[in-house]
Amino acid sequence: MNESEGTAPNEPNPEVEVETDPTVVYVPIADRAEHPLTADEAAHIEGLSGFAIVVEKGPRKGMTFMLREGNTTVGRHPESDIFLNDVTVSRHHCRFVSNGESLSVEDSGSTNGTYVNDERVDSSELKAGDEVLIGRFHFVVAHGDA
């Protein structure tokens, strides 16, 4: 290919990084600073299908991660399903396990631990409205009606 032709249509541009993960959506919750999601609100999020975790406090506030059936890994390792680039998060911190009907979290031997409703856990069943603390990230478990 010569310079006048430019780049090939399928050739990646090394200067552009594109997020293509369909499991990550942004839900603005800035108005929730004084009013976190209640358990009832978290159990009936319009437009969501299945389980999700919403960052209520900490870095990435407002980001919502959809949890597909099976295992969803969380950590500071770039290949984690949910990549949390913060020193308070272990490289392989925890994983969420969903079968569509239920959701649980399992700590992966993290340094700072995984907390559910202010209690450190190795493994815990989750329901809508539960708070999960991973490093400085405060998540609220949500479930959609769709």
C-alpha atoms as a PDB file:
ATOM      1  CA  MET A   1       0.000   0.000   0.000  1.00  0.00           C
ATOM      2  CA  ASN A   2       1.377   3.457  -0.776  1.00  0.00           C
ATOM      3  CA  GLU A   3       0.996   6.663   1.249  1.00  0.00           C
ATOM      4  CA  SER A   4      -1.733   8.107  -0.989  1.00  0.00           C
ATOM      5  CA  GLU A   5      -4.017   5.161  -0.229  1.00  0.00           C
ATOM      6  CA  GLY A   6      -3.995   5.802   3.552  1.00  0.00           C
ATOM      7  CA  THR A   7      -4.544   2.895   5.923  1.00  0.00           C
ATOM      8  CA  ALA A   8      -6.376  -0.288   5.118  1.00  0.00           C
ATOM      9  CA  PRO A   9     -10.021  -0.257   6.303  1.00  0.00           C
ATOM     10  CA  ASN A  10      -9.494  -3.070   8.834  1.00  0.00           C
ATOM     11  CA  GLU A  11      -6.111  -1.918  10.081  1.00  0.00           C
ATOM     12  CA  PRO A  12      -6.293  -0.815  13.744  1.00  0.00           C
ATOM     13  CA  ASN A  13      -5.263   2.707  14.638  1.00  0.00           C
ATOM     14  CA  PRO A  14      -2.727   2.369  17.494  1.00  0.00           C
ATOM     15  CA  GLU A  15      -3.632   5.857  18.801  1.00  0.00           C
ATOM     16  CA  VAL A  16      -7.315   5.033  19.318  1.00  0.00           C
ATOM     17  CA  GLU A  17      -8.540   2.733  22.073  1.00  0.00           C
ATOM     18  CA  VAL A  18     -12.151   1.614  21.636  1.00  0.00           C
ATOM     19  CA  GLU A  19     -14.278   0.091  24.392  1.00  0.00           C
ATOM     20  CA  THR A  20     -16.355  -2.630  22.740  1.00  0.00           C
ATOM     21  CA  ASP A  21     -17.513  -4.562  25.808  1.00  0.00           C
ATOM     22  CA  PRO A  22     -21.327  -4.604  25.615  1.00  0.00           C
ATOM     23  CA  THR A  23     -21.535  -5.484  29.328  1.00  0.00           C
ATOM     24  CA  VAL A  24     -20.604  -1.967  30.441  1.00  0.00           C
ATOM     25  CA  VAL A  25     -23.122   0.855  30.423  1.00  0.00           C
ATOM     26  CA  TYR A  26     -23.200   4.264  32.084  1.00  0.00           C
ATOM     27  CA  VAL A  27     -26.145   5.203  34.274  1.00  0.00           C
ATOM     28  CA  PRO A  28     -25.895   8.749  35.657  1.00  0.00           C
ATOM     29  CA  ILE A  29     -26.565   8.718  39.393  1.00  0.00           C
ATOM     30  CA  ALA A  30     -25.072  12.067  40.421  1.00  0.00           C
ATOM     31  CA  ASP A  31     -28.387  13.015  42.028  1.00  0.00           C
ATOM     32  CA  ARG A  32     -28.083   9.974  44.293  1.00  0.00           C
ATOM     33  CA  ALA A  33     -25.262  11.402  46.428  1.00  0.00           C
ATOM     34  CA  GLU A  34     -27.674  11.800  49.337  1.00  0.00           C
ATOM     35  CA  HIS A  35     -30.029   8.997  48.278  1.00  0.00           C
ATOM     36  CA  PRO A  36     -28.387   5.682  47.345  1.00  0.00           C
ATOM     37  CA  LEU A  37     -30.473   3.069  45.540  1.00  0.00           C
ATOM     38  CA  THR A  38     -32.904   1.414  47.927  1.00  0.00           C
ATOM     39  CA  ALA A  39     -33.325  -2.355  47.815  1.00  0.00           C
ATOM     40  CA  ASP A  40     -36.733  -1.922  46.144  1.00  0.00           C
ATOM     41  CA  GLU A  41     -35.362   0.501  43.519  1.00  0.00           C
ATOM     42  CA  ALA A  42     -32.354  -1.763  42.884  1.00  0.00           C
ATOM     43  CA  ALA A  43     -34.644  -4.763  42.360  1.00  0.00           C
ATOM     44  CA  HIS A  44     -36.549  -3.102  39.502  1.00  0.00           C
ATOM     45  CA  ILE A  45     -34.171  -1.156  37.243  1.00  0.00           C
ATOM     46  CA  GLU A  46     -35.970  -0.299  34.030  1.00  0.00           C
ATOM     47  CA  GLY A  47     -34.127  -1.319  30.876  1.00  0.00           C
ATOM     48  CA  LEU A  48     -31.774  -3.819  32.542  1.00  0.00           C
ATOM     49  CA  SER A  49     -32.045  -7.526  31.980  1.00  0.00           C
ATOM     50  CA  GLY A  50     -30.757  -9.773  34.753  1.00  0.00           C
ATOM     51  CA  PHE A  51     -28.211  -8.733  37.365  1.00  0.00           C
ATOM     52  CA  ALA A  52     -25.891  -5.737  37.323  1.00  0.00           C
ATOM     53  CA  ILE A  53     -23.641  -3.889  39.743  1.00  0.00           C
ATOM     54  CA  VAL A  54     -23.751  -0.087  39.934  1.00  0.00           C
ATOM     55  CA  VAL A  55     -20.840   2.012  41.220  1.00  0.00           C
ATOM     56  CA  GLU A  56     -22.537   4.202  43.843  1.00  0.00           C
ATOM     57  CA  LYS A  57     -19.333   5.609  45.408  1.00  0.00           C
ATOM     58  CA  GLY A  58     -15.697   5.796  44.416  1.00  0.00           C
ATOM     59  CA  PRO A  59     -13.937   5.918  41.067  1.00  0.00           C
ATOM     60  CA  ARG A  60     -16.225   5.450  38.027  1.00  0.00           C
ATOM     61  CA  LYS A  61     -19.322   6.551  39.977  1.00  0.00           C
ATOM     62  CA  GLY A  62     -22.398   5.911  37.866  1.00  0.00           C
ATOM     63  CA  MET A  63     -20.898   3.083  35.826  1.00  0.00           C
ATOM     64  CA  THR A  64     -23.072  -0.006  35.649  1.00  0.00           C
ATOM     65  CA  PHE A  65     -21.684  -3.435  34.799  1.00  0.00           C
ATOM     66  CA  MET A  66     -24.091  -6.035  33.425  1.00  0.00           C
ATOM     67  CA  LEU A  67     -23.371  -9.504  34.829  1.00  0.00           C
ATOM     68  CA  ARG A  68     -23.911 -12.273  32.323  1.00  0.00           C
ATOM     69  CA  GLU A  69     -24.668 -15.855  33.309  1.00  0.00           C
ATOM     70  CA  GLY A  70     -21.598 -17.768  34.488  1.00  0.00           C
ATOM     71  CA  ASN A  71     -18.486 -16.208  36.006  1.00  0.00           C
ATOM     72  CA  THR A  72     -17.508 -12.532  35.788  1.00  0.00           C
ATOM     73  CA  THR A  73     -13.983 -11.870  37.067  1.00  0.00           C
ATOM     74  CA  VAL A  74     -13.092  -8.592  38.788  1.00  0.00           C
ATOM     75  CA  GLY A  75      -9.598  -7.252  39.365  1.00  0.00           C
ATOM     76  CA  ARG A  76      -6.689  -5.028  38.466  1.00  0.00           C
ATOM     77  CA  HIS A  77      -5.479  -7.530  35.873  1.00  0.00           C
ATOM     78  CA  PRO A  78      -6.163  -6.094  32.397  1.00  0.00           C
ATOM     79  CA  GLU A  79      -7.797  -9.339  31.277  1.00  0.00           C
ATOM     80  CA  SER A  80     -10.412  -9.235  34.072  1.00  0.00           C
ATOM     81  CA  ASP A  81     -13.989  -9.060  32.834  1.00  0.00           C
ATOM     82  CA  ILE A  82     -14.401  -5.989  35.048  1.00  0.00           C
ATOM     83  CA  PHE A  83     -11.076  -4.149  35.077  1.00  0.00           C
ATOM     84  CA  LEU A  84     -10.700  -1.849  38.105  1.00  0.00           C
ATOM     85  CA  ASN A  85      -7.394  -0.016  37.746  1.00  0.00           C
ATOM     86  CA  ASP A  86      -6.818   1.005  41.366  1.00  0.00           C
ATOM     87  CA  VAL A  87      -4.107  -0.074  43.851  1.00  0.00           C
ATOM     88  CA  THR A  88      -6.790  -1.019  46.426  1.00  0.00           C
ATOM     89  CA  VAL A  89      -7.972  -3.790  44.077  1.00  0.00           C
ATOM     90  CA  SER A  90      -6.013  -7.043  43.760  1.00  0.00           C
ATOM     91  CA  ARG A  91      -5.049  -8.296  40.307  1.00  0.00           C
ATOM     92  CA  HIS A  92      -7.488 -11.202  40.725  1.00  0.00           C
ATOM     93  CA  HIS A  93      -9.814  -9.777  43.378  1.00  0.00           C
ATOM     94  CA  CYS A  94     -13.116 -11.668  43.144  1.00  0.00           C
ATOM     95  CA  ARG A  95     -15.702 -13.073  40.802  1.00  0.00           C
ATOM     96  CA  PHE A  96     -19.456 -12.845  40.467  1.00  0.00           C
ATOM     97  CA  VAL A  97     -21.316 -16.059  39.691  1.00  0.00           C
ATOM     98  CA  SER A  98     -24.773 -15.911  38.147  1.00  0.00           C
ATOM     99  CA  ASN A  99     -27.083 -18.626  36.889  1.00  0.00           C
ATOM    100  CA  GLY A 100     -29.732 -16.112  35.810  1.00  0.00           C
ATOM    101  CA  GLU A 101     -31.888 -16.718  38.885  1.00  0.00           C
ATOM    102  CA  SER A 102     -29.312 -16.075  41.622  1.00  0.00           C
ATOM    103  CA  LEU A 103     -26.077 -14.159  42.101  1.00  0.00           C
ATOM    104  CA  SER A 104     -23.125 -14.668  44.432  1.00  0.00           C
ATOM    105  CA  VAL A 105     -19.681 -13.149  44.916  1.00  0.00           C
ATOM    106  CA  GLU A 106     -16.534 -15.142  45.738  1.00  0.00           C
ATOM    107  CA  ASP A 107     -13.304 -13.531  46.924  1.00  0.00           C
ATOM    108  CA  SER A 108     -10.207 -14.764  45.065  1.00  0.00           C
ATOM    109  CA  GLY A 109      -7.779 -14.393  47.978  1.00  0.00           C
ATOM    110  CA  SER A 110      -7.544 -10.615  47.596  1.00  0.00           C
ATOM    111  CA  THR A 111      -5.305  -8.561  49.871  1.00  0.00           C
ATOM    112  CA  ASN A 112      -7.962  -6.051  50.975  1.00  0.00           C
ATOM    113  CA  GLY A 113     -10.894  -8.462  50.911  1.00  0.00           C
ATOM    114  CA  THR A 114     -14.373  -8.363  49.461  1.00  0.00           C
ATOM    115  CA  TYR A 115     -17.148  -6.957  51.630  1.00  0.00           C
ATOM    116  CA  VAL A 116     -20.899  -7.460  51.433  1.00  0.00           C
ATOM    117  CA  ASN A 117     -22.990  -5.061  53.523  1.00  0.00           C
ATOM    118  CA  ASP A 118     -19.902  -4.078  55.582  1.00  0.00           C
ATOM    119  CA  GLU A 119     -18.922  -7.680  56.359  1.00  0.00           C
ATOM    120  CA  ARG A 120     -15.789  -9.325  54.918  1.00  0.00           C
ATOM    121  CA  VAL A 121     -16.738 -12.487  53.037  1.00  0.00           C
ATOM    122  CA  ASP A 122     -15.071 -15.375  51.240  1.00  0.00           C
ATOM    123  CA  SER A 123     -18.344 -16.130  49.458  1.00  0.00           C
ATOM    124  CA  SER A 124     -21.839 -14.688  49.742  1.00  0.00           C
ATOM    125  CA  GLU A 125     -25.226 -14.923  48.062  1.00  0.00           C
ATOM    126  CA  LEU A 126     -26.384 -11.512  46.844  1.00  0.00           C
ATOM    127  CA  LYS A 127     -29.733  -9.851  46.362  1.00  0.00           C
ATOM    128  CA  ALA A 128     -30.785  -6.530  44.850  1.00  0.00           C
ATOM    129  CA  GLY A 129     -29.799  -3.660  47.134  1.00  0.00           C
ATOM    130  CA  ASP A 130     -26.783  -5.403  48.684  1.00  0.00           C
ATOM    131  CA  GLU A 131     -23.627  -3.299  48.806  1.00  0.00           C
ATOM    132  CA  VAL A 132     -20.397  -4.917  47.612  1.00  0.00           C
ATOM    133  CA  LEU A 133     -17.097  -3.194  48.446  1.00  0.00           C
ATOM    134  CA  ILE A 134     -14.108  -4.000  46.227  1.00  0.00           C
ATOM    135  CA  GLY A 135     -11.186  -1.748  47.134  1.00  0.00           C
ATOM    136  CA  ARG A 136     -12.452   1.840  46.933  1.00  0.00           C
ATOM    137  CA  PHE A 137     -15.372   0.840  44.702  1.00  0.00           C
ATOM    138  CA  HIS A 138     -18.785   0.703  46.383  1.00  0.00           C
ATOM    139  CA  PHE A 139     -21.204  -1.267  44.232  1.00  0.00           C
ATOM    140  CA  VAL A 140     -24.913  -1.815  44.671  1.00  0.00           C
ATOM    141  CA  VAL A 141     -26.396  -5.009  43.274  1.00  0.00           C
ATOM    142  CA  ALA A 142     -29.248  -4.266  40.864  1.00  0.00           C
ATOM    143  CA  HIS A 143     -31.708  -6.396  38.953  1.00  0.00           C
ATOM    144  CA  GLY A 144     -33.691  -5.439  35.888  1.00  0.00           C
ATOM    145  CA  ASP A 145     -37.261  -6.078  34.889  1.00  0.00           C
ATOM    146  CA  ALA A 146     -36.555  -6.506  31.175  1.00  0.00           C
END
